[in-house]
Amino acid sequence: QAQLVESGGGLVQAGGSLRLSCAASGILYHIAEMGWYRQTPGKQRELVAVSSSDGSTNYAESVKGRFTVSRDNTKNTVALQMNNLKPQDAGVYYCNLVTDWPRRTYWGQGTQVTVSS
């Protein structure tokens, strides 16, 4: 049974930092991407940062220069270091994993990030 377990969310003041972690287990296929998405009330889930198996990364424009995604392929983990947090960064952050053959998508349960101004 594939499972993604997240940790590290919480409440932080604007300008502060948080680190999110995600550990995947039970994944039977090659992992193409691991990363993070964010969802806020009334909005669709949106990409925050993704790390691909070729080593490339992709960030939402709003977090470039402040967030860093890192991945450990040997442990099937992905982390998101979030610095200089802003109130607009708040939301539920979901760990995401995509396998490339067969192509399947997995989601974590979500972790809340709250940024006070």
C-alpha atoms as a PDB file:
ATOM      1  CA  GLN A   1       0.000   0.000   0.000  1.00  0.00           C
ATOM      2  CA  ALA A   2       1.566   3.256  -1.150  1.00  0.00           C
ATOM      3  CA  GLN A   3       1.689   5.935   1.480  1.00  0.00           C
ATOM      4  CA  LEU A   4       3.063   9.444   1.795  1.00  0.00           C
ATOM      5  CA  VAL A   5       3.540  10.783   5.304  1.00  0.00           C
ATOM      6  CA  GLU A   6       4.135  14.497   5.809  1.00  0.00           C
ATOM      7  CA  SER A   7       5.418  16.412   8.772  1.00  0.00           C
ATOM      8  CA  GLY A   8       6.622  19.867   9.674  1.00  0.00           C
ATOM      9  CA  GLY A   9       3.686  22.205   9.207  1.00  0.00           C
ATOM     10  CA  GLY A  10       2.656  24.727  11.817  1.00  0.00           C
ATOM     11  CA  LEU A  11       2.308  28.366  12.724  1.00  0.00           C
ATOM     12  CA  VAL A  12       5.079  30.834  12.024  1.00  0.00           C
ATOM     13  CA  GLN A  13       5.405  34.593  11.927  1.00  0.00           C
ATOM     14  CA  ALA A  14       5.955  36.363   8.650  1.00  0.00           C
ATOM     15  CA  GLY A  15       9.645  36.309   7.816  1.00  0.00           C
ATOM     16  CA  GLY A  16      10.151  33.017   9.596  1.00  0.00           C
ATOM     17  CA  SER A  17      11.012  29.567   8.289  1.00  0.00           C
ATOM     18  CA  LEU A  18       9.499  26.117   8.222  1.00  0.00           C
ATOM     19  CA  ARG A  19      10.673  22.823   6.845  1.00  0.00           C
ATOM     20  CA  LEU A  20       8.238  20.263   5.510  1.00  0.00           C
ATOM     21  CA  SER A  21       9.190  16.634   5.088  1.00  0.00           C
ATOM     22  CA  CYS A  22       7.557  13.764   3.279  1.00  0.00           C
ATOM     23  CA  ALA A  23       8.432  10.092   3.318  1.00  0.00           C
ATOM     24  CA  ALA A  24       7.052   7.665   0.750  1.00  0.00           C
ATOM     25  CA  SER A  25       6.626   3.965   1.316  1.00  0.00           C
ATOM     26  CA  GLY A  26       5.128   1.104  -0.650  1.00  0.00           C
ATOM     27  CA  ILE A  27       5.981   2.660  -4.023  1.00  0.00           C
ATOM     28  CA  LEU A  28       6.565  -0.138  -6.494  1.00  0.00           C
ATOM     29  CA  TYR A  29       7.482   1.830  -9.594  1.00  0.00           C
ATOM     30  CA  HIS A  30      10.115   4.315 -10.678  1.00  0.00           C
ATOM     31  CA  ILE A  31       9.464   7.737  -9.168  1.00  0.00           C
ATOM     32  CA  ALA A  32       9.496  10.470 -11.770  1.00  0.00           C
ATOM     33  CA  GLU A  33       8.622  13.433  -9.566  1.00  0.00           C
ATOM     34  CA  MET A  34       8.298  14.302  -5.911  1.00  0.00           C
ATOM     35  CA  GLY A  35       7.220  17.658  -4.685  1.00  0.00           C
ATOM     36  CA  TRP A  36       4.756  19.914  -2.975  1.00  0.00           C
ATOM     37  CA  TYR A  37       1.450  21.506  -3.796  1.00  0.00           C
ATOM     38  CA  ARG A  38      -0.603  24.000  -1.821  1.00  0.00           C
ATOM     39  CA  GLN A  39      -4.317  24.501  -1.480  1.00  0.00           C
ATOM     40  CA  THR A  40      -6.210  27.390   0.056  1.00  0.00           C
ATOM     41  CA  PRO A  41      -9.959  27.653   0.647  1.00  0.00           C
ATOM     42  CA  GLY A  42     -11.915  28.075  -2.556  1.00  0.00           C
ATOM     43  CA  LYS A  43      -8.916  27.545  -4.791  1.00  0.00           C
ATOM     44  CA  GLN A  44      -7.490  24.648  -6.727  1.00  0.00           C
ATOM     45  CA  ARG A  45      -4.419  22.862  -5.564  1.00  0.00           C
ATOM     46  CA  GLU A  46      -1.383  24.563  -7.070  1.00  0.00           C
ATOM     47  CA  LEU A  47       2.212  23.561  -7.617  1.00  0.00           C
ATOM     48  CA  VAL A  48       4.732  24.962  -5.158  1.00  0.00           C
ATOM     49  CA  ALA A  49       7.899  23.035  -5.973  1.00  0.00           C
ATOM     50  CA  VAL A  50       8.737  19.780  -7.707  1.00  0.00           C
ATOM     51  CA  SER A  51      11.918  17.756  -8.061  1.00  0.00           C
ATOM     52  CA  SER A  52      12.234  15.455 -11.055  1.00  0.00           C
ATOM     53  CA  SER A  53      14.264  12.297 -11.361  1.00  0.00           C
ATOM     54  CA  ASP A  54      16.702  14.005 -13.741  1.00  0.00           C
ATOM     55  CA  GLY A  55      17.628  16.436 -10.988  1.00  0.00           C
ATOM     56  CA  SER A  56      15.688  19.379 -12.338  1.00  0.00           C
ATOM     57  CA  THR A  57      13.392  21.443 -10.147  1.00  0.00           C
ATOM     58  CA  ASN A  58      10.394  23.606 -10.837  1.00  0.00           C
ATOM     59  CA  TYR A  59       9.065  26.330  -8.572  1.00  0.00           C
ATOM     60  CA  ALA A  60       6.026  28.525  -8.485  1.00  0.00           C
ATOM     61  CA  GLU A  61       7.064  32.044  -9.364  1.00  0.00           C
ATOM     62  CA  SER A  62       5.881  33.342  -5.999  1.00  0.00           C
ATOM     63  CA  VAL A  63       8.293  31.156  -4.024  1.00  0.00           C
ATOM     64  CA  LYS A  64      11.430  31.353  -6.138  1.00  0.00           C
ATOM     65  CA  GLY A  65      14.401  32.428  -4.080  1.00  0.00           C
ATOM     66  CA  ARG A  66      12.655  31.629  -0.797  1.00  0.00           C
ATOM     67  CA  PHE A  67      11.750  27.945  -0.996  1.00  0.00           C
ATOM     68  CA  THR A  68      14.029  25.019  -1.742  1.00  0.00           C
ATOM     69  CA  VAL A  69      12.889  21.510  -2.606  1.00  0.00           C
ATOM     70  CA  SER A  70      15.262  18.652  -1.946  1.00  0.00           C
ATOM     71  CA  ARG A  71      14.893  14.962  -2.585  1.00  0.00           C
ATOM     72  CA  ASP A  72      16.643  11.852  -1.351  1.00  0.00           C
ATOM     73  CA  ASN A  73      16.133   9.136  -3.929  1.00  0.00           C
ATOM     74  CA  THR A  74      17.672   6.467  -1.726  1.00  0.00           C
ATOM     75  CA  LYS A  75      15.098   7.060   0.976  1.00  0.00           C
ATOM     76  CA  ASN A  76      12.159   8.198  -1.167  1.00  0.00           C
ATOM     77  CA  THR A  77      11.858  11.418   0.772  1.00  0.00           C
ATOM     78  CA  VAL A  78      11.322  15.000  -0.246  1.00  0.00           C
ATOM     79  CA  ALA A  79      11.624  18.141   1.818  1.00  0.00           C
ATOM     80  CA  LEU A  80      10.609  21.741   1.350  1.00  0.00           C
ATOM     81  CA  GLN A  81      12.612  24.413   3.115  1.00  0.00           C
ATOM     82  CA  MET A  82      10.542  27.564   3.307  1.00  0.00           C
ATOM     83  CA  ASN A  83      12.273  30.792   4.257  1.00  0.00           C
ATOM     84  CA  ASN A  84      11.046  34.352   4.556  1.00  0.00           C
ATOM     85  CA  LEU A  85       7.487  33.130   4.758  1.00  0.00           C
ATOM     86  CA  LYS A  86       4.687  35.480   3.827  1.00  0.00           C
ATOM     87  CA  PRO A  87       1.009  35.381   4.830  1.00  0.00           C
ATOM     88  CA  GLN A  88       0.134  34.445   1.252  1.00  0.00           C
ATOM     89  CA  ASP A  89       2.207  31.265   1.632  1.00  0.00           C
ATOM     90  CA  ALA A  90      -0.328  29.887   4.080  1.00  0.00           C
ATOM     91  CA  GLY A  91      -2.422  26.884   3.165  1.00  0.00           C
ATOM     92  CA  VAL A  92      -2.521  23.132   3.285  1.00  0.00           C
ATOM     93  CA  TYR A  93       0.611  21.695   1.750  1.00  0.00           C
ATOM     94  CA  TYR A  94       0.374  18.310   0.077  1.00  0.00           C
ATOM     95  CA  CYS A  95       3.241  16.023  -0.752  1.00  0.00           C
ATOM     96  CA  ASN A  96       2.985  14.690  -4.285  1.00  0.00           C
ATOM     97  CA  LEU A  97       4.634  11.738  -5.968  1.00  0.00           C
ATOM     98  CA  VAL A  98       4.351  10.657  -9.589  1.00  0.00           C
ATOM     99  CA  THR A  99       5.582   7.411 -11.065  1.00  0.00           C
ATOM    100  CA  ASP A 100       6.323   7.302 -14.770  1.00  0.00           C
ATOM    101  CA  TRP A 101       5.538   3.695 -15.742  1.00  0.00           C
ATOM    102  CA  PRO A 102       2.795   3.147 -15.072  1.00  0.00           C
ATOM    103  CA  ARG A 103       1.962   6.792 -14.563  1.00  0.00           C
ATOM    104  CA  ARG A 104       0.355   7.120 -11.176  1.00  0.00           C
ATOM    105  CA  THR A 105      -0.044  10.016  -8.798  1.00  0.00           C
ATOM    106  CA  TYR A 106      -0.017   9.803  -5.031  1.00  0.00           C
ATOM    107  CA  TRP A 107      -0.840  12.429  -2.417  1.00  0.00           C
ATOM    108  CA  GLY A 108      -0.086  12.865   1.226  1.00  0.00           C
ATOM    109  CA  GLN A 109      -2.730  13.771   3.753  1.00  0.00           C
ATOM    110  CA  GLY A 110      -1.729  17.428   3.845  1.00  0.00           C
ATOM    111  CA  THR A 111      -0.111  19.582   6.491  1.00  0.00           C
ATOM    112  CA  GLN A 112      -1.284  23.037   7.498  1.00  0.00           C
ATOM    113  CA  VAL A 113       1.013  26.021   7.231  1.00  0.00           C
ATOM    114  CA  THR A 114      -0.155  29.231   8.865  1.00  0.00           C
ATOM    115  CA  VAL A 115       1.783  32.475   8.564  1.00  0.00           C
ATOM    116  CA  SER A 116       0.840  35.337  10.848  1.00  0.00           C
ATOM    117  CA  SER A 117       1.498  38.905   9.809  1.00  0.00           C
END
